[in-house]
Amino acid sequence: MRRVAAFLRFWWEFVAGDDWRSAAGLAAALGLCALLAHEAVTAWWLLPLAVVALLADSLRRAIRRSR
């Protein structure tokens, strides 16, 4: 059981890392992109916009914390 817990902890740290909000936002963007693609909507533009928005939000929060 310890190996399973260690394996899950590794993946949590690898995916979420220091900022779980960015990981959750990216997962939501991937899900929305998949949903749009399933509905035959061109969705290539969604992920770059999501990455830029998530990066800007992450930087804004980091700057706010450093003050």
Protein backbone atom coordinates (compact mmCIF):
# COMPACT_ATOMS: atom_id res chain seq x y z
CA MET A 1 0.00 0.00 0.00
CA ARG A 2 2.92 2.35 0.65
CA ARG A 3 4.08 1.98 -2.94
CA VAL A 4 0.65 2.91 -4.27
CA ALA A 5 0.54 5.96 -1.99
CA ALA A 6 4.05 6.97 -3.06
CA PHE A 7 3.11 6.54 -6.72
CA LEU A 8 0.00 8.71 -6.32
CA ARG A 9 1.96 11.34 -4.36
CA PHE A 10 4.53 11.45 -7.17
CA TRP A 11 1.86 12.08 -9.80
CA TRP A 12 0.13 14.71 -7.66
CA GLU A 13 3.44 16.60 -7.24
CA PHE A 14 4.30 16.15 -10.91
CA VAL A 15 0.97 17.41 -12.25
CA ALA A 16 -0.14 19.92 -9.63
CA GLY A 17 3.27 20.95 -8.33
CA ASP A 18 3.20 24.25 -6.48
CA ASP A 19 0.09 25.62 -8.16
CA TRP A 20 -2.97 23.37 -8.20
CA ARG A 21 -5.07 26.18 -9.72
CA SER A 22 -3.03 26.16 -12.92
CA ALA A 23 -3.26 22.38 -13.15
CA ALA A 24 -7.04 22.49 -12.64
CA GLY A 25 -7.39 25.29 -15.20
CA LEU A 26 -5.40 23.37 -17.76
CA ALA A 27 -7.45 20.23 -17.14
CA ALA A 28 -10.64 22.26 -17.63
CA ALA A 29 -9.25 23.79 -20.84
CA LEU A 30 -8.32 20.34 -22.16
CA GLY A 31 -11.80 19.05 -21.33
CA LEU A 32 -13.47 22.01 -23.02
CA CYS A 33 -11.22 21.59 -26.06
CA ALA A 34 -12.15 17.91 -26.27
CA LEU A 35 -15.83 18.77 -25.96
CA LEU A 36 -15.61 21.38 -28.72
CA ALA A 37 -13.66 19.00 -30.98
CA HIS A 38 -16.28 16.31 -30.38
CA GLU A 39 -18.95 18.76 -31.53
CA ALA A 40 -16.91 19.40 -34.72
CA VAL A 41 -15.91 22.93 -33.68
CA THR A 42 -12.41 24.07 -34.53
CA ALA A 43 -10.82 24.33 -31.07
CA TRP A 44 -7.08 24.67 -31.68
CA TRP A 45 -7.13 28.28 -30.44
CA LEU A 46 -8.47 27.43 -26.98
CA LEU A 47 -5.35 25.90 -25.44
CA PRO A 48 -2.93 28.76 -26.29
CA LEU A 49 -5.42 31.27 -24.87
CA ALA A 50 -5.88 29.17 -21.74
CA VAL A 51 -2.12 28.86 -21.21
CA VAL A 52 -1.63 32.62 -21.56
CA ALA A 53 -4.52 33.34 -19.17
CA LEU A 54 -3.33 30.79 -16.62
CA LEU A 55 0.24 32.10 -16.78
CA ALA A 56 -0.94 35.68 -16.29
CA ASP A 57 -3.06 34.63 -13.32
CA SER A 58 -0.19 32.67 -11.79
CA LEU A 59 2.18 35.61 -12.17
CA ARG A 60 -0.39 38.01 -10.72
CA ARG A 61 -0.80 35.81 -7.64
CA ALA A 62 2.99 35.43 -7.24
CA ILE A 63 3.53 39.17 -7.41
CA ARG A 64 0.76 39.78 -4.90
CA ARG A 65 2.34 37.26 -2.47
CA SER A 66 5.80 38.82 -2.77
CA ARG A 67 4.65 42.27 -1.63
